[in-house]
Amino acid sequence: MSADAPDAKTDVDIVTFGCRLNAYESEVIRKRAAEDGLADAIVFNTCAVTNEAVRQARQAIRKARRERPGAKLIVTGCAAQIDPAAFAAMAEVDLVLGNAEKSQAGAYAPQPQGGEPMRVRVNDIMSVRETAGHLIDGLKDRARAYVEVQNGCDHRCTFCIIPYGRGNSRSAAAGEVVEQVRRLAAEGYREVVLTGVDVTSWGADLPGQPTLGQLVARILKLVPDLPRLRLSSIDAAEIDPDLMRCLAEEPRLMPYLHLSLQAGDDMILKRMKRRHSRADALKLVREVRAVRPDVAFGADLIAGFPTESDEMFENSIRLVEEAELAFLHVFPFSPRPGTPAARMPPVKRDVVKARAARLRAAGEAGLVRHLERQAGRTLSALIERPGVARAEDFTEIAFEGEAPVGGLAAMRVTGHDGRRLTAVAA
């Protein structure tokens, strides 16, 4: 969760939960709220990926009402889209907006006088056919910029509620994406991240069905002044030949892939309704490393999915080492009402917690192995804040010396602390 620091009673604060796409869309909300003249308000951009994320949002809303009793509290995002009634039932909430409505012009404007105000404005997200009608120039207070190229998801993994919060997959037009990236590069951003709910599905709904790899190649060709282009989390089942070619031939495409793997056992992957096997994941990693030896991999993994046996879990543990995963996002399984997985035989909660802890430990060991391989190297890094930078392969660097935030600098690696590299600005 992230939030603005309030400066005055009339501030509009945005409290963001969840993914990078939400962080991007919070900037859209900020822009719309300013255009609509919203004042003295707090907007909660919620996440629904776990029950814990929903609980945290509700807790933050109650706390905000205690601390700012006169402010208007607006709730939007995936949790609000999926269960608007639950948030409308909270006495603290003044307005609930759906995921499509939150970026629309006039969404935050005062409602006409007279009559009962409409407290819930949430339409059928599955009817939405457009995206990126709200392009913005970068994210506030960040060294890099994010561009939403895709929203929604056509897949129905058994554990995931997000398609019901985001709708079906829809892509931004290539020309609009290129123009925004060009604008961001002209403003001085040295790195742009392409983001979405299912980024690798970009283009499937556009005329001619272009691929994500073709979009990447077009951006790099038409925006030669952009030093670094990065991809957010991608589906291991959807990497196209053009994207593989870009990884092999385009040094400005950053050598880091965060894979949506979720598990390392074939039976669990089948029950999750994932579209890749364990062998597919390992084959992809080998093929990418063959064309881009400096690449690093991260992954999302779920611990304690229903029916997961000890042996099945061990397959996930082994995958971390076999694929040489350096950056893990570990999620203890959390049943989401309305999903098929919520009706499957559960794993005991203490076992789920223990498995999540073991996966995190395996991830920490993988990160240490990755850090040790960087010894003595000089790396190009993006300065995120004073004393902290990010290498091309997404490794965090704590450095000594002076370098401007948002700029690129060479870093001479001196060691690591188990979590990040230590270095001196060269």
Protein backbone atom coordinates (compact mmCIF):
# COMPACT_ATOMS: atom_id res chain seq x y z
CA MET A 1 0.00 0.00 0.00
CA SER A 2 1.22 3.50 -0.76
CA ALA A 3 -0.28 6.87 0.02
CA ASP A 4 0.35 10.55 -0.55
CA ALA A 5 1.64 12.62 2.35
CA PRO A 6 -1.15 15.10 3.16
CA ASP A 7 -0.13 18.78 3.07
CA ALA A 8 -3.40 20.48 3.92
CA LYS A 9 -7.00 19.77 4.81
CA THR A 10 -8.05 20.41 1.20
CA ASP A 11 -5.72 17.80 -0.24
CA VAL A 12 -6.88 14.95 -2.40
CA ASP A 13 -4.89 11.94 -1.24
CA ILE A 14 -4.64 8.73 -3.27
CA VAL A 15 -4.12 5.51 -1.32
CA THR A 16 -2.92 2.73 -3.64
CA PHE A 17 -3.05 -0.99 -2.98
CA GLY A 18 -1.62 -3.79 -5.13
CA CYS A 19 0.05 -3.86 -8.50
CA ARG A 20 2.04 -1.48 -10.68
CA LEU A 21 -0.98 -1.05 -12.92
CA ASN A 22 -2.87 0.32 -9.93
CA ALA A 23 0.02 2.70 -9.26
CA TYR A 24 -0.21 3.89 -12.85
CA GLU A 25 -3.97 4.29 -12.65
CA SER A 26 -3.69 6.22 -9.38
CA GLU A 27 -1.95 8.92 -11.41
CA VAL A 28 -4.88 8.90 -13.82
CA ILE A 29 -7.17 9.31 -10.81
CA ARG A 30 -5.05 12.21 -9.54
CA LYS A 31 -5.33 13.94 -12.91
CA ARG A 32 -9.08 13.35 -13.22
CA ALA A 33 -9.75 14.48 -9.65
CA ALA A 34 -7.87 17.75 -10.25
CA GLU A 35 -9.76 18.36 -13.50
CA ASP A 36 -13.08 17.67 -11.77
CA GLY A 37 -12.31 20.08 -8.92
CA LEU A 38 -12.34 17.45 -6.18
CA ALA A 39 -11.10 18.76 -2.82
CA ASP A 40 -10.73 17.47 0.75
CA ALA A 41 -11.01 13.84 -0.27
CA ILE A 42 -9.23 10.51 -0.05
CA VAL A 43 -9.45 8.03 -2.93
CA PHE A 44 -8.72 4.37 -2.15
CA ASN A 45 -7.58 2.45 -5.25
CA THR A 46 -8.10 -1.11 -4.01
CA CYS A 47 -6.74 -4.54 -4.88
CA ALA A 48 -8.61 -7.87 -4.80
CA VAL A 49 -5.82 -10.36 -5.42
CA THR A 50 -6.05 -11.68 -1.83
CA ASN A 51 -8.48 -11.46 1.08
CA GLU A 52 -5.71 -9.71 3.00
CA ALA A 53 -5.56 -6.92 0.41
CA VAL A 54 -9.31 -6.33 0.81
CA ARG A 55 -9.02 -6.38 4.62
CA GLN A 56 -6.22 -3.81 4.51
CA ALA A 57 -8.33 -1.52 2.33
CA ARG A 58 -11.28 -1.68 4.71
CA GLN A 59 -8.99 -1.02 7.67
CA ALA A 60 -7.42 1.99 5.92
CA ILE A 61 -10.87 3.42 5.13
CA ARG A 62 -11.95 3.23 8.77
CA LYS A 63 -8.70 4.80 9.93
CA ALA A 64 -9.03 7.62 7.39
CA ARG A 65 -12.53 8.46 8.61
CA ARG A 66 -11.25 8.76 12.19
CA GLU A 67 -8.34 10.96 11.17
CA ARG A 68 -10.18 13.15 8.65
CA PRO A 69 -13.86 13.12 9.63
CA GLY A 70 -14.80 15.84 7.13
CA ALA A 71 -13.11 14.39 4.07
CA LYS A 72 -14.97 12.68 1.23
CA LEU A 73 -13.94 9.02 1.04
CA ILE A 74 -14.08 7.41 -2.40
CA VAL A 75 -13.39 3.72 -3.02
CA THR A 76 -12.46 2.30 -6.42
CA GLY A 77 -10.23 -0.40 -7.93
CA CYS A 78 -10.61 -4.17 -8.25
CA ALA A 79 -12.10 -4.87 -4.82
CA ALA A 80 -14.72 -2.16 -5.35
CA GLN A 81 -15.51 -3.50 -8.84
CA ILE A 82 -15.97 -7.07 -7.62
CA ASP A 83 -17.97 -6.34 -4.46
CA PRO A 84 -19.29 -2.75 -4.57
CA ALA A 85 -22.08 -3.52 -2.11
CA ALA A 86 -19.63 -4.42 0.64
CA PHE A 87 -17.93 -1.03 0.42
CA ALA A 88 -21.18 0.88 -0.07
CA ALA A 89 -22.39 -0.72 3.18
CA MET A 90 -19.52 0.91 5.09
CA ALA A 91 -20.78 4.03 6.84
CA GLU A 92 -17.39 5.67 6.24
CA VAL A 93 -17.65 5.51 2.43
CA ASP A 94 -19.19 8.35 0.40
CA LEU A 95 -18.77 7.01 -3.13
CA VAL A 96 -17.88 3.70 -4.83
CA LEU A 97 -16.52 3.82 -8.40
CA GLY A 98 -15.88 0.88 -10.72
CA ASN A 99 -12.61 0.22 -12.54
CA ALA A 100 -13.92 1.69 -15.79
CA GLU A 101 -15.54 4.67 -14.08
CA LYS A 102 -12.49 5.70 -12.03
CA SER A 103 -10.64 7.11 -15.07
CA GLN A 104 -13.60 8.79 -16.75
CA ALA A 105 -13.89 12.57 -17.05
CA GLY A 106 -16.38 13.90 -14.54
CA ALA A 107 -16.17 10.88 -12.24
CA TYR A 108 -15.08 13.07 -9.30
CA ALA A 109 -17.19 16.14 -10.08
CA PRO A 110 -19.81 17.28 -7.55
CA GLN A 111 -23.19 15.66 -8.18
CA PRO A 112 -26.15 17.87 -9.07
CA GLN A 113 -28.09 19.37 -6.20
CA GLY A 114 -31.40 17.79 -5.30
CA GLY A 115 -32.40 14.15 -5.29
CA GLU A 116 -30.58 11.23 -3.74
CA PRO A 117 -26.83 11.22 -4.60
CA MET A 118 -25.64 8.12 -6.45
CA ARG A 119 -23.23 6.42 -4.03
CA VAL A 120 -22.36 3.48 -6.29
CA ARG A 121 -21.27 3.87 -9.90
CA VAL A 122 -20.07 0.45 -11.02
CA ASN A 123 -20.97 -0.97 -14.42
CA ASP A 124 -20.39 -4.38 -16.00
CA ILE A 125 -16.62 -4.53 -16.55
CA MET A 126 -17.07 -7.31 -19.12
CA SER A 127 -18.78 -4.81 -21.42
CA VAL A 128 -15.72 -2.55 -21.56
CA ARG A 129 -13.96 -2.76 -24.93
CA GLU A 130 -11.42 0.06 -24.77
CA THR A 131 -8.27 0.85 -22.82
CA ALA A 132 -5.68 3.60 -22.65
CA GLY A 133 -8.17 6.40 -23.16
CA HIS A 134 -6.38 8.09 -20.28
CA LEU A 135 -2.70 8.23 -21.17
CA ILE A 136 -0.59 10.18 -18.68
CA ASP A 137 2.98 11.40 -18.65
CA GLY A 138 4.76 9.31 -16.06
CA LEU A 139 4.19 8.57 -12.41
CA LYS A 140 4.65 11.16 -9.69
CA ASP A 141 7.91 10.96 -7.70
CA ARG A 142 9.30 7.96 -9.58
CA ALA A 143 12.55 7.58 -11.47
CA ARG A 144 10.92 5.49 -14.19
CA ALA A 145 7.65 5.84 -16.06
CA TYR A 146 4.95 3.23 -16.62
CA VAL A 147 2.81 2.90 -19.72
CA GLU A 148 -0.39 0.87 -19.64
CA VAL A 149 -0.47 -1.07 -22.90
CA GLN A 150 -3.13 -3.61 -21.95
CA ASN A 151 -5.86 -4.21 -19.39
CA GLY A 152 -8.04 -7.16 -18.43
CA CYS A 153 -7.51 -10.89 -18.93
CA ASP A 154 -9.13 -13.56 -21.10
CA HIS A 155 -7.81 -16.47 -19.01
CA ARG A 156 -9.65 -17.97 -16.06
CA CYS A 157 -7.09 -19.38 -13.66
CA THR A 158 -8.97 -21.17 -10.91
CA PHE A 159 -7.45 -19.10 -8.08
CA CYS A 160 -7.84 -15.66 -9.65
CA ILE A 161 -10.66 -13.15 -9.22
CA ILE A 162 -8.93 -10.36 -11.17
CA PRO A 163 -10.68 -10.89 -14.56
CA TYR A 164 -13.93 -10.05 -12.77
CA GLY A 165 -12.38 -6.80 -11.56
CA ARG A 166 -10.60 -5.89 -14.79
CA GLY A 167 -12.74 -7.44 -17.52
CA ASN A 168 -11.59 -9.16 -20.70
CA SER A 169 -8.27 -8.38 -22.34
CA ARG A 170 -8.07 -5.20 -24.40
CA SER A 171 -5.02 -3.54 -25.91
CA ALA A 172 -3.93 0.04 -26.42
CA ALA A 173 -3.21 0.93 -30.04
CA ALA A 174 0.48 0.67 -30.95
CA GLY A 175 0.60 4.23 -32.26
CA GLU A 176 -0.74 5.64 -29.00
CA VAL A 177 1.77 3.63 -26.98
CA VAL A 178 4.70 4.75 -29.13
CA GLU A 179 3.59 8.37 -28.90
CA GLN A 180 3.38 8.23 -25.13
CA VAL A 181 6.79 6.58 -24.81
CA ARG A 182 8.24 9.22 -27.14
CA ARG A 183 6.72 11.97 -24.97
CA LEU A 184 8.10 10.42 -21.78
CA ALA A 185 11.58 10.08 -23.28
CA ALA A 186 11.44 13.74 -24.36
CA GLU A 187 10.59 14.69 -20.77
CA GLY A 188 13.76 13.03 -19.58
CA TYR A 189 12.68 9.59 -18.40
CA ARG A 190 15.52 7.14 -18.93
CA GLU A 191 13.43 4.02 -18.39
CA VAL A 192 9.86 3.14 -19.38
CA VAL A 193 8.02 0.03 -18.19
CA LEU A 194 5.25 -1.52 -20.28
CA THR A 195 2.56 -2.73 -17.90
CA GLY A 196 -0.86 -4.34 -17.87
CA VAL A 197 -2.82 -7.21 -16.34
CA ASP A 198 -1.67 -9.74 -18.97
CA VAL A 199 0.95 -7.84 -20.96
CA THR A 200 1.95 -10.72 -23.21
CA SER A 201 -1.60 -10.92 -24.59
CA TRP A 202 -1.20 -7.42 -26.05
CA GLY A 203 -2.41 -7.18 -29.63
CA ALA A 204 -4.65 -10.25 -29.76
CA ASP A 205 -7.74 -8.02 -29.99
CA LEU A 206 -6.25 -5.52 -32.48
CA PRO A 207 -6.50 -5.65 -36.29
CA GLY A 208 -3.92 -8.10 -37.65
CA GLN A 209 -3.24 -9.44 -34.14
CA PRO A 210 0.24 -7.90 -33.67
CA THR A 211 2.46 -9.36 -30.95
CA LEU A 212 4.05 -7.81 -27.88
CA GLY A 213 7.43 -8.42 -29.49
CA GLN A 214 6.38 -6.37 -32.51
CA LEU A 215 5.27 -3.54 -30.20
CA VAL A 216 8.61 -3.63 -28.37
CA ALA A 217 10.54 -3.56 -31.65
CA ARG A 218 8.45 -0.64 -32.88
CA ILE A 219 9.03 1.37 -29.70
CA LEU A 220 12.78 0.82 -29.79
CA LYS A 221 12.97 1.75 -33.47
CA LEU A 222 10.77 4.85 -33.28
CA VAL A 223 12.02 6.17 -29.93
CA PRO A 224 15.82 5.94 -30.31
CA ASP A 225 16.38 8.41 -27.44
CA LEU A 226 14.94 5.99 -24.84
CA PRO A 227 17.86 4.17 -23.15
CA ARG A 228 15.88 1.51 -21.29
CA LEU A 229 12.61 -0.32 -21.99
CA ARG A 230 11.38 -2.84 -19.44
CA LEU A 231 8.51 -5.33 -19.27
CA SER A 232 6.38 -5.96 -16.20
CA SER A 233 5.22 -9.45 -15.21
CA ILE A 234 4.69 -11.74 -18.20
CA ASP A 235 3.01 -15.08 -18.85
CA ALA A 236 5.47 -17.88 -19.58
CA ALA A 237 3.01 -19.36 -22.09
CA GLU A 238 2.88 -16.29 -24.33
CA ILE A 239 6.41 -15.18 -25.23
CA ASP A 240 6.36 -14.76 -29.00
CA PRO A 241 9.29 -15.15 -31.47
CA ASP A 242 9.48 -11.39 -32.03
CA LEU A 243 9.93 -10.79 -28.30
CA MET A 244 12.62 -13.47 -28.16
CA ARG A 245 14.36 -11.74 -31.07
CA CYS A 246 14.24 -8.41 -29.24
CA LEU A 247 15.77 -9.99 -26.14
CA ALA A 248 18.58 -11.38 -28.29
CA GLU A 249 19.24 -8.29 -30.41
CA GLU A 250 18.08 -5.19 -28.50
CA PRO A 251 20.34 -4.20 -25.59
CA ARG A 252 17.90 -1.41 -24.66
CA LEU A 253 15.29 -4.05 -23.77
CA MET A 254 16.23 -4.77 -20.17
CA PRO A 255 17.46 -8.30 -19.34
CA TYR A 256 14.90 -9.08 -16.65
CA LEU A 257 11.76 -11.17 -16.95
CA HIS A 258 9.31 -11.62 -14.10
CA LEU A 259 7.38 -14.78 -14.88
CA SER A 260 3.87 -15.61 -13.74
CA LEU A 261 4.70 -19.24 -12.89
CA GLN A 262 2.55 -19.79 -9.76
CA ALA A 263 3.76 -23.37 -9.16
CA GLY A 264 6.42 -25.89 -10.11
CA ASP A 265 4.29 -29.04 -10.16
CA ASP A 266 2.37 -30.16 -13.25
CA MET A 267 -0.70 -31.41 -11.40
CA ILE A 268 -1.05 -28.17 -9.44
CA LEU A 269 -0.51 -26.14 -12.63
CA LYS A 270 -3.31 -28.15 -14.26
CA ARG A 271 -5.63 -27.56 -11.30
CA MET A 272 -4.75 -23.88 -11.42
CA LYS A 273 -5.73 -23.96 -15.13
CA ARG A 274 -2.38 -22.52 -16.11
CA ARG A 275 -1.32 -22.94 -19.74
CA HIS A 276 2.29 -23.98 -19.20
CA SER A 277 3.94 -27.03 -17.66
CA ARG A 278 6.99 -27.25 -15.46
CA ALA A 279 9.04 -28.34 -18.48
CA ASP A 280 7.71 -25.37 -20.48
CA ALA A 281 8.93 -22.95 -17.82
CA LEU A 282 12.40 -24.48 -17.66
CA LYS A 283 12.64 -24.59 -21.46
CA LEU A 284 11.75 -20.90 -21.69
CA VAL A 285 14.40 -19.97 -19.13
CA ARG A 286 17.04 -21.97 -21.01
CA GLU A 287 16.09 -20.45 -24.37
CA VAL A 288 16.17 -16.87 -23.08
CA ARG A 289 19.52 -17.42 -21.34
CA ALA A 290 20.92 -18.87 -24.56
CA VAL A 291 20.24 -15.61 -26.43
CA ARG A 292 20.68 -13.21 -23.48
CA PRO A 293 23.20 -14.60 -20.97
CA ASP A 294 22.97 -11.56 -18.66
CA VAL A 295 19.22 -12.04 -18.06
CA ALA A 296 17.79 -12.46 -14.56
CA PHE A 297 14.45 -14.04 -13.73
CA GLY A 298 11.85 -13.43 -11.07
CA ALA A 299 8.59 -15.27 -10.52
CA ASP A 300 5.25 -15.29 -8.75
CA LEU A 301 4.69 -18.50 -6.76
CA ILE A 302 1.71 -19.60 -4.68
CA ALA A 303 2.29 -21.71 -1.58
CA GLY A 304 -0.32 -24.18 -0.36
CA PHE A 305 -2.68 -24.28 -3.32
CA PRO A 306 -5.60 -26.68 -2.60
CA THR A 307 -4.69 -30.37 -2.90
CA GLU A 308 -0.95 -29.57 -2.89
CA SER A 309 0.93 -32.50 -1.33
CA ASP A 310 4.40 -32.36 0.20
CA GLU A 311 5.83 -33.88 -2.98
CA MET A 312 4.06 -31.36 -5.19
CA PHE A 313 5.36 -28.51 -3.06
CA GLU A 314 8.91 -29.86 -3.27
CA ASN A 315 8.65 -29.52 -7.06
CA SER A 316 8.09 -25.78 -6.59
CA ILE A 317 11.05 -25.54 -4.23
CA ARG A 318 13.28 -27.32 -6.75
CA LEU A 319 12.08 -25.07 -9.56
CA VAL A 320 13.54 -22.02 -7.81
CA GLU A 321 17.02 -23.52 -7.99
CA GLU A 322 16.68 -25.25 -11.37
CA ALA A 323 15.49 -22.05 -13.05
CA GLU A 324 17.96 -19.94 -11.04
CA LEU A 325 15.20 -17.56 -9.97
CA ALA A 326 16.60 -14.47 -8.27
CA PHE A 327 13.50 -12.49 -7.32
CA LEU A 328 10.44 -14.21 -5.88
CA HIS A 329 6.99 -12.90 -5.03
CA VAL A 330 5.52 -15.55 -2.73
CA PHE A 331 1.81 -15.66 -2.01
CA PRO A 332 0.31 -17.96 0.64
CA PHE A 333 -2.84 -19.33 -1.02
CA SER A 334 -5.85 -17.22 -0.10
CA PRO A 335 -9.27 -18.53 -1.23
CA ARG A 336 -11.27 -15.90 -3.08
CA PRO A 337 -15.04 -16.43 -3.00
CA GLY A 338 -16.40 -17.00 -6.49
CA THR A 339 -13.32 -18.83 -7.79
CA PRO A 340 -13.15 -22.60 -8.46
CA ALA A 341 -10.11 -22.97 -6.21
CA ALA A 342 -12.12 -21.74 -3.23
CA ARG A 343 -14.22 -24.92 -3.53
CA MET A 344 -11.24 -27.29 -3.74
CA PRO A 345 -9.97 -29.28 -0.71
CA PRO A 346 -7.79 -26.81 1.20
CA VAL A 347 -4.34 -27.26 2.68
CA LYS A 348 -4.19 -26.58 6.42
CA ARG A 349 -3.37 -22.95 7.16
CA ASP A 350 -0.32 -23.73 9.30
CA VAL A 351 1.04 -25.86 6.44
CA VAL A 352 0.37 -23.03 3.95
CA LYS A 353 2.27 -20.58 6.16
CA ALA A 354 5.18 -22.99 6.61
CA ARG A 355 5.41 -23.62 2.87
CA ALA A 356 5.33 -19.90 2.12
CA ALA A 357 8.19 -19.40 4.57
CA ARG A 358 10.21 -22.15 2.88
CA LEU A 359 9.58 -20.66 -0.56
CA ARG A 360 10.70 -17.23 0.67
CA ALA A 361 13.85 -18.80 2.13
CA ALA A 362 14.53 -20.51 -1.20
CA GLY A 363 14.04 -17.17 -2.92
CA GLU A 364 16.45 -15.46 -0.53
CA ALA A 365 19.07 -18.13 -1.24
CA GLY A 366 18.51 -17.68 -4.99
CA LEU A 367 18.97 -13.93 -4.63
CA VAL A 368 22.25 -14.42 -2.74
CA ARG A 369 23.53 -16.70 -5.52
CA HIS A 370 22.59 -14.05 -8.06
CA LEU A 371 24.28 -11.27 -6.08
CA GLU A 372 27.48 -13.27 -5.72
CA ARG A 373 27.68 -13.65 -9.49
CA GLN A 374 27.93 -9.86 -9.83
CA ALA A 375 31.18 -9.55 -7.85
CA GLY A 376 33.68 -7.17 -9.41
CA ARG A 377 31.42 -6.08 -12.26
CA THR A 378 30.68 -2.53 -13.36
CA LEU A 379 26.97 -2.13 -14.03
CA SER A 380 24.83 0.51 -15.66
CA ALA A 381 22.15 1.56 -13.19
CA LEU A 382 19.12 3.83 -13.00
CA ILE A 383 19.23 6.07 -9.92
CA GLU A 384 15.92 5.60 -8.06
CA ARG A 385 16.70 7.81 -5.06
CA PRO A 386 19.85 9.11 -3.36
CA GLY A 387 22.13 6.14 -2.67
CA VAL A 388 19.84 3.56 -4.33
CA ALA A 389 19.88 2.43 -7.95
CA ARG A 390 18.59 -0.44 -10.10
CA ALA A 391 20.77 -2.45 -12.49
CA GLU A 392 19.60 -3.48 -15.95
CA ASP A 393 18.68 -6.94 -14.61
CA PHE A 394 16.59 -5.29 -11.87
CA THR A 395 19.09 -5.92 -9.07
CA GLU A 396 18.90 -3.23 -6.40
CA ILE A 397 22.16 -1.40 -5.66
CA ALA A 398 23.10 0.58 -2.55
CA PHE A 399 25.86 2.89 -3.69
CA GLU A 400 28.28 5.50 -2.42
CA GLY A 401 28.89 8.64 -4.39
CA GLU A 402 26.85 11.25 -6.17
CA ALA A 403 24.47 10.63 -9.06
CA PRO A 404 21.26 12.47 -10.03
CA VAL A 405 17.93 10.74 -9.38
CA GLY A 406 16.39 9.55 -12.63
CA GLY A 407 19.73 9.44 -14.41
CA LEU A 408 21.93 6.55 -15.48
CA ALA A 409 25.33 5.93 -13.93
CA ALA A 410 28.05 3.30 -13.92
CA MET A 411 28.32 1.36 -10.64
CA ARG A 412 31.41 -0.61 -9.59
CA VAL A 413 30.21 -3.54 -7.46
CA THR A 414 32.03 -3.93 -4.14
CA GLY A 415 29.91 -6.68 -2.56
CA HIS A 416 26.39 -7.35 -1.28
CA ASP A 417 24.41 -7.48 1.96
CA GLY A 418 22.24 -10.49 1.08
CA ARG A 419 19.45 -8.34 -0.34
CA ARG A 420 21.15 -5.93 -2.71
CA LEU A 421 24.50 -5.11 -4.20
CA THR A 422 26.84 -2.56 -2.71
CA ALA A 423 28.75 -0.37 -5.13
CA VAL A 424 30.59 2.86 -5.76
CA ALA A 425 29.44 5.28 -8.43
CA ALA A 426 32.18 5.10 -11.05
